[in-house]
Amino acid sequence: MGKNKKKVRRKKEVQQGERAVKIVFISLVIVGILSIVLYSILS
């Protein structure tokens, strides 16, 4: 039982890490798009 719980916990940690990476990636994409839009409006 103890070994299984550790495996499940590790799986959850990996999923949380992937989610964090996705959030960072999406926010970078949004910032990039916004900066391009602002640059095209201002220029």
PDB file of N, CA and C in Angstrom:
ATOM      1  N   MET A   1       0.838  -1.206   0.000  1.00  0.00           N
ATOM      2  CA  MET A   1       0.000   0.000   0.000  1.00  0.00           C
ATOM      3  C   MET A   1       0.876   1.259   0.000  1.00  0.00           C
ATOM      4  N   GLY A   2       1.921   1.255   0.845  1.00  0.00           N
ATOM      5  CA  GLY A   2       2.767   2.444   0.960  1.00  0.00           C
ATOM      6  C   GLY A   2       3.439   2.805  -0.362  1.00  0.00           C
ATOM      7  N   LYS A   3       3.921   1.788  -1.090  1.00  0.00           N
ATOM      8  CA  LYS A   3       4.608   2.055  -2.360  1.00  0.00           C
ATOM      9  C   LYS A   3       3.649   2.682  -3.370  1.00  0.00           C
ATOM     10  N   ASN A   4       2.424   2.172  -3.429  1.00  0.00           N
ATOM     11  CA  ASN A   4       1.447   2.707  -4.376  1.00  0.00           C
ATOM     12  C   ASN A   4       1.156   4.178  -4.109  1.00  0.00           C
ATOM     13  N   LYS A   5       1.011   4.534  -2.839  1.00  0.00           N
ATOM     14  CA  LYS A   5       0.719   5.935  -2.492  1.00  0.00           C
ATOM     15  C   LYS A   5       1.839   6.847  -2.973  1.00  0.00           C
ATOM     16  N   LYS A   6       3.087   6.411  -2.806  1.00  0.00           N
ATOM     17  CA  LYS A   6       4.226   7.221  -3.259  1.00  0.00           C
ATOM     18  C   LYS A   6       4.157   7.426  -4.769  1.00  0.00           C
ATOM     19  N   LYS A   7       3.827   6.369  -5.509  1.00  0.00           N
ATOM     20  CA  LYS A   7       3.737   6.472  -6.971  1.00  0.00           C
ATOM     21  C   LYS A   7       2.660   7.473  -7.374  1.00  0.00           C
ATOM     22  N   VAL A   8       1.515   7.397  -6.718  1.00  0.00           N
ATOM     23  CA  VAL A   8       0.406   8.309  -7.034  1.00  0.00           C
ATOM     24  C   VAL A   8       0.826   9.744  -6.762  1.00  0.00           C
ATOM     25  N   ARG A   9       1.480   9.957  -5.626  1.00  0.00           N
ATOM     26  CA  ARG A   9       1.906  11.309  -5.247  1.00  0.00           C
ATOM     27  C   ARG A   9       2.885  11.856  -6.292  1.00  0.00           C
ATOM     28  N   ARG A  10       3.823  11.018  -6.729  1.00  0.00           N
ATOM     29  CA  ARG A  10       4.803  11.451  -7.724  1.00  0.00           C
ATOM     30  C   ARG A  10       4.089  11.822  -9.027  1.00  0.00           C
ATOM     31  N   LYS A  11       3.086  11.033  -9.402  1.00  0.00           N
ATOM     32  CA  LYS A  11       2.323  11.308 -10.624  1.00  0.00           C
ATOM     33  C   LYS A  11       1.650  12.676 -10.522  1.00  0.00           C
ATOM     34  N   LYS A  12       1.058  12.964  -9.358  1.00  0.00           N
ATOM     35  CA  LYS A  12       0.397  14.258  -9.153  1.00  0.00           C
ATOM     36  C   LYS A  12       1.406  15.389  -9.259  1.00  0.00           C
ATOM     37  N   GLU A  13       2.591  15.217  -8.684  1.00  0.00           N
ATOM     38  CA  GLU A  13       3.631  16.252  -8.742  1.00  0.00           C
ATOM     39  C   GLU A  13       4.038  16.513 -10.186  1.00  0.00           C
ATOM     40  N   VAL A  14       4.174  15.455 -10.973  1.00  0.00           N
ATOM     41  CA  VAL A  14       4.542  15.608 -12.388  1.00  0.00           C
ATOM     42  C   VAL A  14       3.448  16.372 -13.123  1.00  0.00           C
ATOM     43  N   GLN A  15       2.181  16.029 -12.855  1.00  0.00           N
ATOM     44  CA  GLN A  15       1.069  16.724 -13.502  1.00  0.00           C
ATOM     45  C   GLN A  15       1.076  18.203 -13.137  1.00  0.00           C
ATOM     46  N   GLN A  16       1.336  18.520 -11.864  1.00  0.00           N
ATOM     47  CA  GLN A  16       1.381  19.920 -11.428  1.00  0.00           C
ATOM     48  C   GLN A  16       2.519  20.649 -12.132  1.00  0.00           C
ATOM     49  N   GLY A  17       3.658  19.995 -12.279  1.00  0.00           N
ATOM     50  CA  GLY A  17       4.791  20.594 -12.971  1.00  0.00           C
ATOM     51  C   GLY A  17       4.457  20.888 -14.419  1.00  0.00           C
ATOM     52  N   GLU A  18       3.799  19.926 -15.098  1.00  0.00           N
ATOM     53  CA  GLU A  18       3.403  20.132 -16.490  1.00  0.00           C
ATOM     54  C   GLU A  18       2.432  21.294 -16.597  1.00  0.00           C
ATOM     55  N   ARG A  19       1.502  21.377 -15.647  1.00  0.00           N
ATOM     56  CA  ARG A  19       0.527  22.472 -15.657  1.00  0.00           C
ATOM     57  C   ARG A  19       1.240  23.816 -15.508  1.00  0.00           C
ATOM     58  N   ALA A  20       2.225  23.878 -14.598  1.00  0.00           N
ATOM     59  CA  ALA A  20       2.979  25.120 -14.387  1.00  0.00           C
ATOM     60  C   ALA A  20       3.708  25.519 -15.666  1.00  0.00           C
ATOM     61  N   VAL A  21       4.326  24.544 -16.338  1.00  0.00           N
ATOM     62  CA  VAL A  21       5.041  24.827 -17.587  1.00  0.00           C
ATOM     63  C   VAL A  21       4.072  25.359 -18.633  1.00  0.00           C
ATOM     64  N   LYS A  22       2.881  24.732 -18.726  1.00  0.00           N
ATOM     65  CA  LYS A  22       1.873  25.193 -19.690  1.00  0.00           C
ATOM     66  C   LYS A  22       1.454  26.624 -19.396  1.00  0.00           C
ATOM     67  N   ILE A  23       1.224  26.938 -18.119  1.00  0.00           N
ATOM     68  CA  ILE A  23       0.791  28.291 -17.737  1.00  0.00           C
ATOM     69  C   ILE A  23       1.868  29.301 -18.121  1.00  0.00           C
ATOM     70  N   VAL A  24       3.129  28.989 -17.827  1.00  0.00           N
ATOM     71  CA  VAL A  24       4.234  29.900 -18.165  1.00  0.00           C
ATOM     72  C   VAL A  24       4.307  30.089 -19.672  1.00  0.00           C
ATOM     73  N   PHE A  25       4.198  28.989 -20.425  1.00  0.00           N
ATOM     74  CA  PHE A  25       4.284  29.052 -21.883  1.00  0.00           C
ATOM     75  C   PHE A  25       3.156  29.898 -22.454  1.00  0.00           C
ATOM     76  N   ILE A  26       1.931  29.669 -21.971  1.00  0.00           N
ATOM     77  CA  ILE A  26       0.768  30.423 -22.452  1.00  0.00           C
ATOM     78  C   ILE A  26       0.929  31.903 -22.133  1.00  0.00           C
ATOM     79  N   SER A  27       1.382  32.218 -20.923  1.00  0.00           N
ATOM     80  CA  SER A  27       1.549  33.626 -20.541  1.00  0.00           C
ATOM     81  C   SER A  27       2.619  34.289 -21.408  1.00  0.00           C
ATOM     82  N   LEU A  28       3.701  33.562 -21.724  1.00  0.00           N
ATOM     83  CA  LEU A  28       4.732  34.115 -22.607  1.00  0.00           C
ATOM     84  C   LEU A  28       4.162  34.391 -23.990  1.00  0.00           C
ATOM     85  N   VAL A  29       3.356  33.472 -24.511  1.00  0.00           N
ATOM     86  CA  VAL A  29       2.738  33.653 -25.828  1.00  0.00           C
ATOM     87  C   VAL A  29       1.834  34.879 -25.812  1.00  0.00           C
ATOM     88  N   ILE A  30       1.023  35.011 -24.753  1.00  0.00           N
ATOM     89  CA  ILE A  30       0.108  36.155 -24.643  1.00  0.00           C
ATOM     90  C   ILE A  30       0.903  37.455 -24.599  1.00  0.00           C
ATOM     91  N   VAL A  31       1.961  37.486 -23.796  1.00  0.00           N
ATOM     92  CA  VAL A  31       2.795  38.697 -23.699  1.00  0.00           C
ATOM     93  C   VAL A  31       3.403  39.023 -25.062  1.00  0.00           C
ATOM     94  N   GLY A  32       3.867  38.007 -25.768  1.00  0.00           N
ATOM     95  CA  GLY A  32       4.448  38.223 -27.095  1.00  0.00           C
ATOM     96  C   GLY A  32       3.434  38.804 -28.060  1.00  0.00           C
ATOM     97  N   ILE A  33       2.229  38.234 -28.093  1.00  0.00           N
ATOM     98  CA  ILE A  33       1.173  38.726 -28.983  1.00  0.00           C
ATOM     99  C   ILE A  33       0.814  40.159 -28.618  1.00  0.00           C
ATOM    100  N   LEU A  34       0.650  40.428 -27.328  1.00  0.00           N
ATOM    101  CA  LEU A  34       0.294  41.783 -26.881  1.00  0.00           C
ATOM    102  C   LEU A  34       1.366  42.789 -27.285  1.00  0.00           C
ATOM    103  N   SER A  35       2.630  42.433 -27.109  1.00  0.00           N
ATOM    104  CA  SER A  35       3.710  43.364 -27.454  1.00  0.00           C
ATOM    105  C   SER A  35       3.735  43.624 -28.956  1.00  0.00           C
ATOM    106  N   ILE A  36       3.486  42.583 -29.767  1.00  0.00           N
ATOM    107  CA  ILE A  36       3.439  42.762 -31.225  1.00  0.00           C
ATOM    108  C   ILE A  36       2.284  43.687 -31.598  1.00  0.00           C
ATOM    109  N   VAL A  37       1.109  43.461 -31.000  1.00  0.00           N
ATOM    110  CA  VAL A  37      -0.068  44.291 -31.285  1.00  0.00           C
ATOM    111  C   VAL A  37       0.202  45.735 -30.887  1.00  0.00           C
ATOM    112  N   LEU A  38       0.725  45.940 -29.682  1.00  0.00           N
ATOM    113  CA  LEU A  38       1.021  47.300 -29.213  1.00  0.00           C
ATOM    114  C   LEU A  38       2.049  47.967 -30.121  1.00  0.00           C
ATOM    115  N   TYR A  39       3.072  47.227 -30.508  1.00  0.00           N
ATOM    116  CA  TYR A  39       4.116  47.781 -31.378  1.00  0.00           C
ATOM    117  C   TYR A  39       3.522  48.203 -32.719  1.00  0.00           C
ATOM    118  N   SER A  40       2.644  47.381 -33.286  1.00  0.00           N
ATOM    119  CA  SER A  40       2.051  47.702 -34.584  1.00  0.00           C
ATOM    120  C   SER A  40       1.100  48.890 -34.464  1.00  0.00           C
ATOM    121  N   ILE A  41       0.428  49.042 -33.328  1.00  0.00           N
ATOM    122  CA  ILE A  41      -0.483  50.179 -33.127  1.00  0.00           C
ATOM    123  C   ILE A  41       0.326  51.465 -32.964  1.00  0.00           C
ATOM    124  N   LEU A  42       1.399  51.397 -32.166  1.00  0.00           N
ATOM    125  CA  LEU A  42       2.167  52.607 -31.842  1.00  0.00           C
ATOM    126  C   LEU A  42       3.010  53.075 -33.023  1.00  0.00           C
ATOM    127  N   SER A  43       3.495  52.153 -33.839  1.00  0.00           N
ATOM    128  CA  SER A  43       4.390  52.551 -34.926  1.00  0.00           C
ATOM    129  C   SER A  43       3.628  53.105 -36.126  1.00  0.00           C
TER     130      SER A  43
END
